[in-house]
Amino acid sequence: MQHPHAGEGHANSVAAASGRFTLRRTVHDSWVIVHARIPEFAVRPLAHITVDDDDVAEVVWTGPVPLPVSYATPQDALESLEKWERGRPGAAKPVPIPHFPPRGGLRRANA
């Protein structure tokens, strides 16, 4: 079976970490993606990953994420989530609305 990094054989090891997310092994062929900066005891997984007998990483996303459910490795699922997160639009400056004086000046109502 494929694993993100060779040589990591103990449970609960951190296989890969980005600035925001971490891939953690839970058992031999299962992983979770969690927020990297949240303490381990308070973590809510963003995804559960199981590597099947065909070396395919099957992902169950725990939230509304428009990403695939099959990857070559758990690391690929982590990278896909990071890429999607970077591409999401964040807060932007408001679009300026031009202001112009009224055309033709002030007109009298009875004129």
C-alpha atoms as a PDB file:
ATOM      1  CA  MET A   1       0.000   0.000   0.000  1.00  0.00           C
ATOM      2  CA  GLN A   2       1.163   3.518  -0.703  1.00  0.00           C
ATOM      3  CA  HIS A   3       1.895   5.961   2.083  1.00  0.00           C
ATOM      4  CA  PRO A   4       2.669   9.659   1.753  1.00  0.00           C
ATOM      5  CA  HIS A   5       6.144   9.315   3.213  1.00  0.00           C
ATOM      6  CA  ALA A   6       8.150   6.129   3.469  1.00  0.00           C
ATOM      7  CA  GLY A   7       9.600   5.261   6.853  1.00  0.00           C
ATOM      8  CA  GLU A   8       6.700   6.404   9.013  1.00  0.00           C
ATOM      9  CA  GLY A   9       5.306   3.350  10.683  1.00  0.00           C
ATOM     10  CA  HIS A  10       3.804   4.455  13.978  1.00  0.00           C
ATOM     11  CA  ALA A  11       0.198   5.491  14.563  1.00  0.00           C
ATOM     12  CA  ASN A  12      -0.776   9.142  14.950  1.00  0.00           C
ATOM     13  CA  SER A  13       2.288  10.302  13.057  1.00  0.00           C
ATOM     14  CA  VAL A  14       2.126  13.525  11.133  1.00  0.00           C
ATOM     15  CA  ALA A  15       2.769  12.579   7.529  1.00  0.00           C
ATOM     16  CA  ALA A  16       2.536  15.976   5.925  1.00  0.00           C
ATOM     17  CA  ALA A  17       1.773  19.469   7.056  1.00  0.00           C
ATOM     18  CA  SER A  18       1.096  22.641   5.183  1.00  0.00           C
ATOM     19  CA  GLY A  19       0.599  26.060   6.620  1.00  0.00           C
ATOM     20  CA  ARG A  20      -3.051  25.374   7.343  1.00  0.00           C
ATOM     21  CA  PHE A  21      -3.737  21.621   7.132  1.00  0.00           C
ATOM     22  CA  THR A  22      -2.101  18.445   8.432  1.00  0.00           C
ATOM     23  CA  LEU A  23      -2.364  14.850   7.258  1.00  0.00           C
ATOM     24  CA  ARG A  24      -2.354  12.460  10.238  1.00  0.00           C
ATOM     25  CA  ARG A  25      -2.242   8.696  10.199  1.00  0.00           C
ATOM     26  CA  THR A  26      -4.845   7.109  12.469  1.00  0.00           C
ATOM     27  CA  VAL A  27      -4.132   3.418  11.788  1.00  0.00           C
ATOM     28  CA  HIS A  28      -2.028   1.515   9.259  1.00  0.00           C
ATOM     29  CA  ASP A  29      -4.044   2.402   6.151  1.00  0.00           C
ATOM     30  CA  SER A  30      -6.230   5.280   7.387  1.00  0.00           C
ATOM     31  CA  TRP A  31      -5.574   8.996   7.598  1.00  0.00           C
ATOM     32  CA  VAL A  32      -7.381  12.213   8.489  1.00  0.00           C
ATOM     33  CA  ILE A  33      -6.890  15.763   7.264  1.00  0.00           C
ATOM     34  CA  VAL A  34      -7.206  18.303  10.071  1.00  0.00           C
ATOM     35  CA  HIS A  35      -6.467  21.971  10.718  1.00  0.00           C
ATOM     36  CA  ALA A  36      -2.793  22.244  11.649  1.00  0.00           C
ATOM     37  CA  ARG A  37      -3.135  24.932  14.321  1.00  0.00           C
ATOM     38  CA  ILE A  38      -5.894  23.303  16.384  1.00  0.00           C
ATOM     39  CA  PRO A  39      -4.767  21.184  19.366  1.00  0.00           C
ATOM     40  CA  GLU A  40      -4.940  17.459  18.674  1.00  0.00           C
ATOM     41  CA  PHE A  41      -7.566  16.776  21.358  1.00  0.00           C
ATOM     42  CA  ALA A  42      -9.941  19.375  19.839  1.00  0.00           C
ATOM     43  CA  VAL A  43      -9.534  18.450  16.185  1.00  0.00           C
ATOM     44  CA  ARG A  44     -12.530  17.953  13.903  1.00  0.00           C
ATOM     45  CA  PRO A  45     -11.364  16.100  10.763  1.00  0.00           C
ATOM     46  CA  LEU A  46     -11.980  17.726   7.402  1.00  0.00           C
ATOM     47  CA  ALA A  47     -11.597  14.371   5.646  1.00  0.00           C
ATOM     48  CA  HIS A  48     -11.229  10.666   6.424  1.00  0.00           C
ATOM     49  CA  ILE A  49      -8.943   8.782   4.035  1.00  0.00           C
ATOM     50  CA  THR A  50      -8.601   5.025   3.602  1.00  0.00           C
ATOM     51  CA  VAL A  51      -6.060   3.405   1.291  1.00  0.00           C
ATOM     52  CA  ASP A  52      -7.640   0.286  -0.199  1.00  0.00           C
ATOM     53  CA  ASP A  53      -6.022  -2.912  -1.495  1.00  0.00           C
ATOM     54  CA  ASP A  54      -5.603  -1.357  -4.951  1.00  0.00           C
ATOM     55  CA  ASP A  55      -3.494   1.493  -3.468  1.00  0.00           C
ATOM     56  CA  VAL A  56      -6.248   4.041  -4.100  1.00  0.00           C
ATOM     57  CA  ALA A  57      -6.903   6.659  -1.429  1.00  0.00           C
ATOM     58  CA  GLU A  58     -10.665   6.914  -0.898  1.00  0.00           C
ATOM     59  CA  VAL A  59     -11.703  10.201   0.739  1.00  0.00           C
ATOM     60  CA  VAL A  60     -14.833  11.025   2.716  1.00  0.00           C
ATOM     61  CA  TRP A  61     -15.045  14.814   3.042  1.00  0.00           C
ATOM     62  CA  THR A  62     -16.818  15.908   6.233  1.00  0.00           C
ATOM     63  CA  GLY A  63     -18.023  19.212   4.793  1.00  0.00           C
ATOM     64  CA  PRO A  64     -19.310  20.619   1.501  1.00  0.00           C
ATOM     65  CA  VAL A  65     -16.089  20.473  -0.515  1.00  0.00           C
ATOM     66  CA  PRO A  66     -16.275  20.162  -4.335  1.00  0.00           C
ATOM     67  CA  LEU A  67     -13.279  17.827  -4.552  1.00  0.00           C
ATOM     68  CA  PRO A  68     -12.843  14.261  -5.844  1.00  0.00           C
ATOM     69  CA  VAL A  69     -13.248  11.257  -3.560  1.00  0.00           C
ATOM     70  CA  SER A  70     -10.413   9.145  -5.040  1.00  0.00           C
ATOM     71  CA  TYR A  71      -6.705   9.997  -5.161  1.00  0.00           C
ATOM     72  CA  ALA A  72      -3.466   8.142  -5.805  1.00  0.00           C
ATOM     73  CA  THR A  73      -2.168   8.936  -2.291  1.00  0.00           C
ATOM     74  CA  PRO A  74      -3.392  10.665   0.873  1.00  0.00           C
ATOM     75  CA  GLN A  75      -0.812  13.384   0.143  1.00  0.00           C
ATOM     76  CA  ASP A  76      -2.594  14.095  -3.163  1.00  0.00           C
ATOM     77  CA  ALA A  77      -5.866  14.660  -1.277  1.00  0.00           C
ATOM     78  CA  LEU A  78      -4.123  17.085   1.081  1.00  0.00           C
ATOM     79  CA  GLU A  79      -2.585  18.988  -1.838  1.00  0.00           C
ATOM     80  CA  SER A  80      -5.964  19.128  -3.592  1.00  0.00           C
ATOM     81  CA  LEU A  81      -7.592  20.637  -0.489  1.00  0.00           C
ATOM     82  CA  GLU A  82      -4.787  23.199  -0.156  1.00  0.00           C
ATOM     83  CA  LYS A  83      -5.081  24.198  -3.804  1.00  0.00           C
ATOM     84  CA  TRP A  84      -8.865  24.550  -3.539  1.00  0.00           C
ATOM     85  CA  GLU A  85      -8.541  26.612  -0.352  1.00  0.00           C
ATOM     86  CA  ARG A  86      -6.024  29.002  -1.971  1.00  0.00           C
ATOM     87  CA  GLY A  87      -8.329  29.505  -4.967  1.00  0.00           C
ATOM     88  CA  ARG A  88     -11.383  30.497  -2.953  1.00  0.00           C
ATOM     89  CA  PRO A  89     -12.216  34.167  -3.173  1.00  0.00           C
ATOM     90  CA  GLY A  90     -11.705  36.026   0.052  1.00  0.00           C
ATOM     91  CA  ALA A  91     -12.776  39.450   1.131  1.00  0.00           C
ATOM     92  CA  ALA A  92     -12.169  42.078  -1.518  1.00  0.00           C
ATOM     93  CA  LYS A  93     -12.250  45.837  -1.603  1.00  0.00           C
ATOM     94  CA  PRO A  94     -15.585  47.292  -2.630  1.00  0.00           C
ATOM     95  CA  VAL A  95     -15.918  48.363  -6.230  1.00  0.00           C
ATOM     96  CA  PRO A  96     -15.815  52.161  -6.345  1.00  0.00           C
ATOM     97  CA  ILE A  97     -18.932  53.852  -7.712  1.00  0.00           C
ATOM     98  CA  PRO A  98     -18.206  57.053  -9.632  1.00  0.00           C
ATOM     99  CA  HIS A  99     -19.986  60.153  -8.415  1.00  0.00           C
ATOM    100  CA  PHE A 100     -20.918  62.944 -10.845  1.00  0.00           C
ATOM    101  CA  PRO A 101     -22.774  66.233 -10.338  1.00  0.00           C
ATOM    102  CA  PRO A 102     -26.335  66.360 -11.665  1.00  0.00           C
ATOM    103  CA  ARG A 103     -26.617  67.115 -15.397  1.00  0.00           C
ATOM    104  CA  GLY A 104     -27.826  70.570 -16.389  1.00  0.00           C
ATOM    105  CA  GLY A 105     -27.777  72.062 -12.925  1.00  0.00           C
ATOM    106  CA  LEU A 106     -30.818  72.478 -10.727  1.00  0.00           C
ATOM    107  CA  ARG A 107     -34.186  72.909 -12.459  1.00  0.00           C
ATOM    108  CA  ARG A 108     -37.190  74.592 -10.993  1.00  0.00           C
ATOM    109  CA  ALA A 109     -40.334  72.516 -10.632  1.00  0.00           C
ATOM    110  CA  ASN A 110     -42.677  75.196 -12.076  1.00  0.00           C
ATOM    111  CA  ALA A 111     -40.491  76.459 -14.879  1.00  0.00           C
END
